[in-house]
N, C-alpha and C. Protein backbone atom coordinates (compact mmCIF):
# COMPACT_ATOMS: atom_id res chain seq x y z
N MET A 1 -43.75 8.43 12.17
CA MET A 1 -43.43 8.86 13.52
C MET A 1 -42.62 7.79 14.26
N LEU A 2 -43.05 6.52 14.15
CA LEU A 2 -42.32 5.44 14.81
C LEU A 2 -40.91 5.32 14.26
N GLN A 3 -40.75 5.44 12.93
CA GLN A 3 -39.41 5.37 12.33
C GLN A 3 -38.52 6.48 12.86
N SER A 4 -39.06 7.66 13.02
CA SER A 4 -38.29 8.79 13.54
C SER A 4 -37.84 8.51 14.97
N LEU A 5 -38.74 7.96 15.77
CA LEU A 5 -38.41 7.64 17.15
C LEU A 5 -37.34 6.55 17.23
N LEU A 6 -37.51 5.50 16.41
CA LEU A 6 -36.54 4.41 16.41
C LEU A 6 -35.16 4.87 15.95
N SER A 7 -35.16 5.78 14.97
CA SER A 7 -33.86 6.24 14.46
C SER A 7 -33.08 7.02 15.51
N ARG A 8 -33.77 7.62 16.47
CA ARG A 8 -33.07 8.33 17.55
C ARG A 8 -32.29 7.38 18.44
N PHE A 9 -32.80 6.13 18.56
CA PHE A 9 -32.16 5.17 19.46
C PHE A 9 -31.25 4.19 18.73
N ALA A 10 -31.23 4.26 17.42
CA ALA A 10 -30.35 3.37 16.65
C ALA A 10 -28.90 3.78 16.92
N PRO A 11 -28.00 2.80 16.96
CA PRO A 11 -26.59 3.16 17.18
C PRO A 11 -26.08 4.04 16.05
N LYS A 12 -25.34 5.05 16.42
CA LYS A 12 -24.81 5.98 15.44
C LYS A 12 -23.52 5.42 14.84
N GLN A 13 -23.35 5.60 13.52
CA GLN A 13 -22.11 5.25 12.85
C GLN A 13 -21.08 6.31 13.23
N GLN A 14 -19.95 5.89 13.72
CA GLN A 14 -18.93 6.86 14.08
C GLN A 14 -17.82 6.84 13.04
N ASN A 15 -17.50 8.01 12.55
CA ASN A 15 -16.37 8.13 11.63
C ASN A 15 -15.10 8.13 12.47
N PRO A 16 -14.06 7.46 12.00
CA PRO A 16 -12.83 7.44 12.78
C PRO A 16 -12.24 8.85 12.87
N GLU A 17 -11.74 9.17 14.05
CA GLU A 17 -11.05 10.44 14.22
C GLU A 17 -9.73 10.36 13.45
N PRO A 18 -9.30 11.44 12.81
CA PRO A 18 -8.05 11.42 12.06
C PRO A 18 -6.87 10.93 12.88
N GLU A 19 -6.82 11.29 14.17
CA GLU A 19 -5.70 10.86 15.01
C GLU A 19 -5.69 9.34 15.16
N ASN A 20 -6.88 8.73 15.31
CA ASN A 20 -6.97 7.28 15.45
C ASN A 20 -6.56 6.58 14.16
N LEU A 21 -6.97 7.13 13.03
CA LEU A 21 -6.63 6.54 11.74
C LEU A 21 -5.12 6.56 11.54
N ILE A 22 -4.48 7.67 11.87
CA ILE A 22 -3.03 7.76 11.74
C ILE A 22 -2.35 6.75 12.67
N ALA A 23 -2.84 6.63 13.89
CA ALA A 23 -2.23 5.69 14.84
C ALA A 23 -2.42 4.25 14.40
N ASP A 24 -3.50 3.96 13.68
CA ASP A 24 -3.79 2.59 13.27
C ASP A 24 -3.20 2.23 11.91
N THR A 25 -2.51 3.15 11.27
CA THR A 25 -1.95 2.92 9.94
C THR A 25 -0.44 2.98 10.02
N LYS A 26 0.20 1.98 9.43
CA LYS A 26 1.65 1.90 9.48
C LYS A 26 2.16 1.55 8.08
N LEU A 27 3.27 2.13 7.69
CA LEU A 27 3.91 1.82 6.41
C LEU A 27 5.36 1.46 6.67
N ILE A 28 5.75 0.26 6.25
CA ILE A 28 7.13 -0.19 6.39
C ILE A 28 7.78 -0.13 5.02
N SER A 29 8.97 0.46 4.98
CA SER A 29 9.70 0.64 3.72
C SER A 29 10.92 -0.27 3.71
N TYR A 30 11.14 -0.97 2.57
CA TYR A 30 12.23 -1.91 2.43
C TYR A 30 13.13 -1.52 1.26
N GLY A 31 14.44 -1.54 1.48
CA GLY A 31 15.39 -1.41 0.39
C GLY A 31 15.70 -0.01 -0.06
N GLN A 32 15.19 1.00 0.62
CA GLN A 32 15.44 2.36 0.16
C GLN A 32 16.92 2.72 0.26
N GLU A 33 17.64 2.15 1.23
CA GLU A 33 19.05 2.50 1.40
C GLU A 33 19.94 1.96 0.29
N VAL A 34 19.49 0.95 -0.44
CA VAL A 34 20.30 0.41 -1.55
C VAL A 34 19.63 0.64 -2.91
N SER A 35 18.59 1.46 -2.92
CA SER A 35 17.81 1.65 -4.14
C SER A 35 18.48 2.55 -5.17
N GLY A 36 19.42 3.38 -4.72
CA GLY A 36 20.03 4.34 -5.62
C GLY A 36 19.20 5.61 -5.79
N MET A 37 18.09 5.70 -5.10
CA MET A 37 17.22 6.87 -5.20
C MET A 37 17.70 7.92 -4.18
N ASP A 38 17.51 9.19 -4.52
CA ASP A 38 17.93 10.26 -3.61
C ASP A 38 16.94 10.38 -2.45
N ASP A 39 17.38 11.01 -1.38
CA ASP A 39 16.56 11.12 -0.16
C ASP A 39 15.23 11.82 -0.40
N GLU A 40 15.22 12.84 -1.24
CA GLU A 40 13.98 13.57 -1.52
C GLU A 40 12.95 12.66 -2.22
N THR A 41 13.41 11.86 -3.17
CA THR A 41 12.51 10.93 -3.87
C THR A 41 11.97 9.89 -2.91
N ILE A 42 12.83 9.37 -2.05
CA ILE A 42 12.41 8.36 -1.06
C ILE A 42 11.37 8.95 -0.12
N GLN A 43 11.66 10.13 0.42
CA GLN A 43 10.71 10.76 1.34
C GLN A 43 9.37 11.04 0.66
N SER A 44 9.40 11.57 -0.55
CA SER A 44 8.13 11.88 -1.21
C SER A 44 7.36 10.61 -1.57
N GLY A 45 8.07 9.54 -1.93
CA GLY A 45 7.39 8.27 -2.23
C GLY A 45 6.71 7.68 -1.00
N ILE A 46 7.43 7.68 0.12
CA ILE A 46 6.86 7.16 1.37
C ILE A 46 5.66 8.01 1.79
N GLU A 47 5.81 9.33 1.73
CA GLU A 47 4.70 10.21 2.09
C GLU A 47 3.49 10.00 1.20
N TRP A 48 3.72 9.84 -0.11
CA TRP A 48 2.61 9.67 -1.05
C TRP A 48 1.84 8.40 -0.74
N VAL A 49 2.54 7.29 -0.52
CA VAL A 49 1.85 6.03 -0.22
C VAL A 49 1.12 6.13 1.12
N PHE A 50 1.77 6.68 2.14
CA PHE A 50 1.13 6.78 3.45
C PHE A 50 -0.12 7.65 3.39
N LEU A 51 -0.01 8.80 2.75
CA LEU A 51 -1.17 9.69 2.64
C LEU A 51 -2.28 9.05 1.80
N SER A 52 -1.92 8.25 0.81
CA SER A 52 -2.93 7.53 0.02
C SER A 52 -3.67 6.52 0.89
N LEU A 53 -2.94 5.84 1.77
CA LEU A 53 -3.58 4.89 2.69
C LEU A 53 -4.55 5.63 3.61
N LEU A 54 -4.11 6.76 4.14
CA LEU A 54 -4.99 7.54 5.02
C LEU A 54 -6.22 8.03 4.27
N ALA A 55 -6.02 8.54 3.06
CA ALA A 55 -7.15 9.06 2.27
C ALA A 55 -8.17 7.97 1.97
N ALA A 56 -7.69 6.74 1.83
CA ALA A 56 -8.59 5.62 1.56
C ALA A 56 -9.23 5.08 2.83
N GLY A 57 -8.83 5.61 3.99
CA GLY A 57 -9.38 5.13 5.26
C GLY A 57 -8.81 3.79 5.67
N TYR A 58 -7.66 3.43 5.14
CA TYR A 58 -7.04 2.13 5.43
C TYR A 58 -6.50 2.11 6.85
N ARG A 59 -6.82 1.04 7.56
CA ARG A 59 -6.26 0.80 8.89
C ARG A 59 -5.49 -0.50 8.80
N GLY A 60 -4.26 -0.46 9.15
CA GLY A 60 -3.44 -1.66 9.11
C GLY A 60 -2.04 -1.32 8.66
N GLN A 61 -1.36 -2.35 8.24
CA GLN A 61 0.04 -2.21 7.87
C GLN A 61 0.20 -2.31 6.36
N GLY A 62 0.96 -1.41 5.80
CA GLY A 62 1.30 -1.44 4.39
C GLY A 62 2.81 -1.59 4.25
N HIS A 63 3.24 -2.01 3.07
CA HIS A 63 4.66 -2.28 2.83
C HIS A 63 5.05 -1.68 1.49
N LEU A 64 6.17 -0.96 1.47
CA LEU A 64 6.67 -0.33 0.26
C LEU A 64 8.07 -0.85 -0.02
N PHE A 65 8.23 -1.49 -1.19
CA PHE A 65 9.52 -2.02 -1.62
C PHE A 65 10.13 -1.11 -2.67
N TRP A 66 11.40 -0.79 -2.52
CA TRP A 66 12.16 0.02 -3.48
C TRP A 66 12.98 -0.97 -4.29
N LEU A 67 12.51 -1.29 -5.52
CA LEU A 67 13.12 -2.39 -6.27
C LEU A 67 13.50 -2.01 -7.69
N ASP A 68 14.55 -2.68 -8.16
CA ASP A 68 14.90 -2.60 -9.57
C ASP A 68 14.37 -3.87 -10.24
N SER A 69 14.74 -4.11 -11.47
CA SER A 69 14.13 -5.20 -12.23
C SER A 69 14.72 -6.58 -11.93
N GLU A 70 15.69 -6.67 -11.04
CA GLU A 70 16.26 -7.98 -10.72
C GLU A 70 15.33 -8.76 -9.81
N ARG A 71 15.35 -10.08 -9.98
CA ARG A 71 14.48 -10.95 -9.19
C ARG A 71 15.22 -11.41 -7.94
N ASP A 72 14.65 -11.18 -6.78
CA ASP A 72 15.23 -11.58 -5.50
C ASP A 72 14.24 -12.53 -4.83
N GLU A 73 14.60 -13.79 -4.72
CA GLU A 73 13.68 -14.81 -4.21
C GLU A 73 13.23 -14.52 -2.77
N GLU A 74 14.10 -13.98 -1.94
CA GLU A 74 13.71 -13.67 -0.56
C GLU A 74 12.64 -12.58 -0.52
N ILE A 75 12.80 -11.57 -1.36
CA ILE A 75 11.80 -10.50 -1.42
C ILE A 75 10.49 -11.04 -1.96
N LEU A 76 10.54 -11.91 -2.98
CA LEU A 76 9.32 -12.50 -3.53
C LEU A 76 8.57 -13.30 -2.47
N LYS A 77 9.31 -14.06 -1.65
CA LYS A 77 8.68 -14.84 -0.57
C LYS A 77 8.00 -13.91 0.44
N LEU A 78 8.70 -12.83 0.79
CA LEU A 78 8.13 -11.89 1.74
C LEU A 78 6.88 -11.23 1.17
N GLN A 79 6.90 -10.85 -0.10
CA GLN A 79 5.74 -10.22 -0.72
C GLN A 79 4.54 -11.17 -0.73
N ARG A 80 4.77 -12.45 -1.07
CA ARG A 80 3.67 -13.44 -1.05
C ARG A 80 3.09 -13.56 0.35
N LYS A 81 3.96 -13.62 1.34
CA LYS A 81 3.52 -13.75 2.73
C LYS A 81 2.67 -12.55 3.15
N LEU A 82 3.11 -11.36 2.78
CA LEU A 82 2.39 -10.14 3.17
C LEU A 82 1.01 -10.06 2.54
N ILE A 83 0.92 -10.36 1.26
CA ILE A 83 -0.38 -10.25 0.60
C ILE A 83 -1.33 -11.34 1.08
N LYS A 84 -0.80 -12.51 1.43
CA LYS A 84 -1.67 -13.56 1.97
C LYS A 84 -2.19 -13.20 3.35
N LYS A 85 -1.48 -12.30 4.04
CA LYS A 85 -1.94 -11.80 5.33
C LYS A 85 -2.84 -10.58 5.15
N ASN A 86 -3.22 -10.29 3.89
CA ASN A 86 -4.08 -9.14 3.55
C ASN A 86 -3.44 -7.80 3.92
N GLU A 87 -2.12 -7.73 3.81
CA GLU A 87 -1.43 -6.47 4.03
C GLU A 87 -1.07 -5.88 2.68
N LEU A 88 -1.36 -4.61 2.50
CA LEU A 88 -1.11 -3.96 1.22
C LEU A 88 0.39 -3.91 0.94
N THR A 89 0.75 -4.22 -0.29
CA THR A 89 2.15 -4.27 -0.70
C THR A 89 2.32 -3.41 -1.93
N PHE A 90 3.30 -2.51 -1.87
CA PHE A 90 3.56 -1.57 -2.96
C PHE A 90 5.01 -1.69 -3.41
N LEU A 91 5.25 -1.20 -4.61
CA LEU A 91 6.58 -1.20 -5.20
C LEU A 91 6.86 0.19 -5.75
N TYR A 92 8.05 0.71 -5.48
CA TYR A 92 8.52 1.90 -6.17
C TYR A 92 9.53 1.40 -7.20
N ARG A 93 9.23 1.60 -8.47
CA ARG A 93 10.10 1.12 -9.56
C ARG A 93 11.32 2.03 -9.63
N CYS A 94 12.50 1.44 -9.40
CA CYS A 94 13.73 2.22 -9.35
C CYS A 94 14.49 2.26 -10.67
N ASP A 95 14.09 1.49 -11.65
CA ASP A 95 14.72 1.59 -12.96
C ASP A 95 13.65 1.55 -14.05
N ASP A 96 14.04 1.22 -15.26
CA ASP A 96 13.11 1.32 -16.39
C ASP A 96 12.06 0.22 -16.46
N ARG A 97 12.30 -0.89 -15.77
CA ARG A 97 11.37 -2.02 -15.87
C ARG A 97 10.85 -2.39 -14.49
N VAL A 98 9.65 -2.94 -14.48
CA VAL A 98 9.06 -3.44 -13.24
C VAL A 98 9.64 -4.83 -12.98
N PRO A 99 10.09 -5.10 -11.76
CA PRO A 99 10.58 -6.45 -11.47
C PRO A 99 9.44 -7.46 -11.54
N PRO A 100 9.77 -8.72 -11.75
CA PRO A 100 8.71 -9.73 -11.81
C PRO A 100 7.97 -9.82 -10.47
N ALA A 101 6.69 -10.03 -10.56
CA ALA A 101 5.88 -10.26 -9.36
C ALA A 101 6.00 -11.73 -8.98
N PRO A 102 5.71 -12.06 -7.73
CA PRO A 102 5.69 -13.48 -7.35
C PRO A 102 4.68 -14.24 -8.20
N ASP A 103 4.90 -15.53 -8.38
CA ASP A 103 3.95 -16.36 -9.14
C ASP A 103 2.55 -16.22 -8.56
N GLY A 104 1.57 -16.02 -9.45
CA GLY A 104 0.18 -15.87 -9.03
C GLY A 104 -0.22 -14.44 -8.71
N PHE A 105 0.69 -13.50 -8.90
CA PHE A 105 0.44 -12.10 -8.59
C PHE A 105 0.87 -11.23 -9.77
N TYR A 106 0.47 -9.96 -9.76
CA TYR A 106 0.93 -9.00 -10.76
C TYR A 106 1.03 -7.62 -10.11
N TRP A 107 1.83 -6.75 -10.72
CA TRP A 107 1.98 -5.38 -10.25
C TRP A 107 1.00 -4.49 -11.00
N ARG A 108 0.10 -3.81 -10.29
CA ARG A 108 -0.85 -2.88 -10.89
C ARG A 108 -0.33 -1.46 -10.71
N LEU A 109 -0.12 -0.77 -11.83
CA LEU A 109 0.34 0.61 -11.80
C LEU A 109 -0.67 1.49 -11.09
N MET A 110 -0.20 2.37 -10.25
CA MET A 110 -1.05 3.36 -9.58
C MET A 110 -0.87 4.67 -10.34
N PRO A 111 -1.74 4.92 -11.33
CA PRO A 111 -1.54 6.08 -12.20
C PRO A 111 -1.72 7.42 -11.51
N GLU A 112 -2.22 7.42 -10.28
CA GLU A 112 -2.40 8.66 -9.54
C GLU A 112 -1.06 9.27 -9.12
N HIS A 113 -0.03 8.42 -9.01
CA HIS A 113 1.29 8.92 -8.60
C HIS A 113 1.87 9.77 -9.73
N PRO A 114 2.36 10.97 -9.42
CA PRO A 114 2.80 11.89 -10.49
C PRO A 114 3.91 11.34 -11.38
N GLU A 115 4.79 10.50 -10.84
CA GLU A 115 5.88 9.95 -11.65
C GLU A 115 5.53 8.59 -12.27
N MET A 116 4.37 8.06 -11.91
CA MET A 116 3.90 6.75 -12.39
C MET A 116 4.97 5.68 -12.14
N ARG A 117 5.47 5.62 -10.92
CA ARG A 117 6.49 4.64 -10.54
C ARG A 117 6.03 3.76 -9.37
N ILE A 118 4.82 3.94 -8.89
CA ILE A 118 4.35 3.15 -7.76
C ILE A 118 3.31 2.15 -8.24
N TYR A 119 3.46 0.91 -7.78
CA TYR A 119 2.61 -0.21 -8.17
C TYR A 119 2.10 -0.90 -6.91
N GLN A 120 0.93 -1.51 -7.02
CA GLN A 120 0.38 -2.30 -5.93
C GLN A 120 0.36 -3.76 -6.34
N LEU A 121 0.78 -4.64 -5.44
CA LEU A 121 0.79 -6.07 -5.71
C LEU A 121 -0.64 -6.60 -5.59
N GLN A 122 -1.09 -7.30 -6.63
CA GLN A 122 -2.46 -7.84 -6.69
C GLN A 122 -2.41 -9.35 -6.96
N ILE A 123 -3.40 -10.05 -6.47
CA ILE A 123 -3.52 -11.48 -6.77
C ILE A 123 -4.07 -11.63 -8.17
N ARG A 124 -3.45 -12.49 -8.97
CA ARG A 124 -3.92 -12.76 -10.33
C ARG A 124 -5.11 -13.71 -10.25
N ASN A 125 -6.25 -13.29 -10.76
CA ASN A 125 -7.47 -14.08 -10.68
C ASN A 125 -7.73 -14.93 -11.91
N ASP A 126 -6.92 -14.79 -12.95
CA ASP A 126 -7.19 -15.49 -14.20
C ASP A 126 -6.55 -16.87 -14.27
N GLU A 127 -6.03 -17.35 -13.15
CA GLU A 127 -5.39 -18.67 -13.16
C GLU A 127 -6.27 -19.71 -12.52
């Protein structure tokens, strides 16, 4: 009986309203204009990542890079900075190979994506 009474006064866990989750989630896309990908592919890739963030209940900023296999030091620096700030970083593979990840990191394939071209940047723990 006491437990029942106490549970009435315990603070209730509130689930975020969908509108608040959408307002608190942001996805920034880099390099799509020079990626060589068509507009439909770009739009569906951005939508897929954004909806995946919402489905996971993620609040914060995510980043999607449209990259080929060439190594760009400025992009690598930005990716390191973003992941160290605990911001999710993704890659859409624009050619046959995944570009190198920054030192100390690796690209994890997201097999849920229908084309299997989206990867998430992860910290390498085996070093």
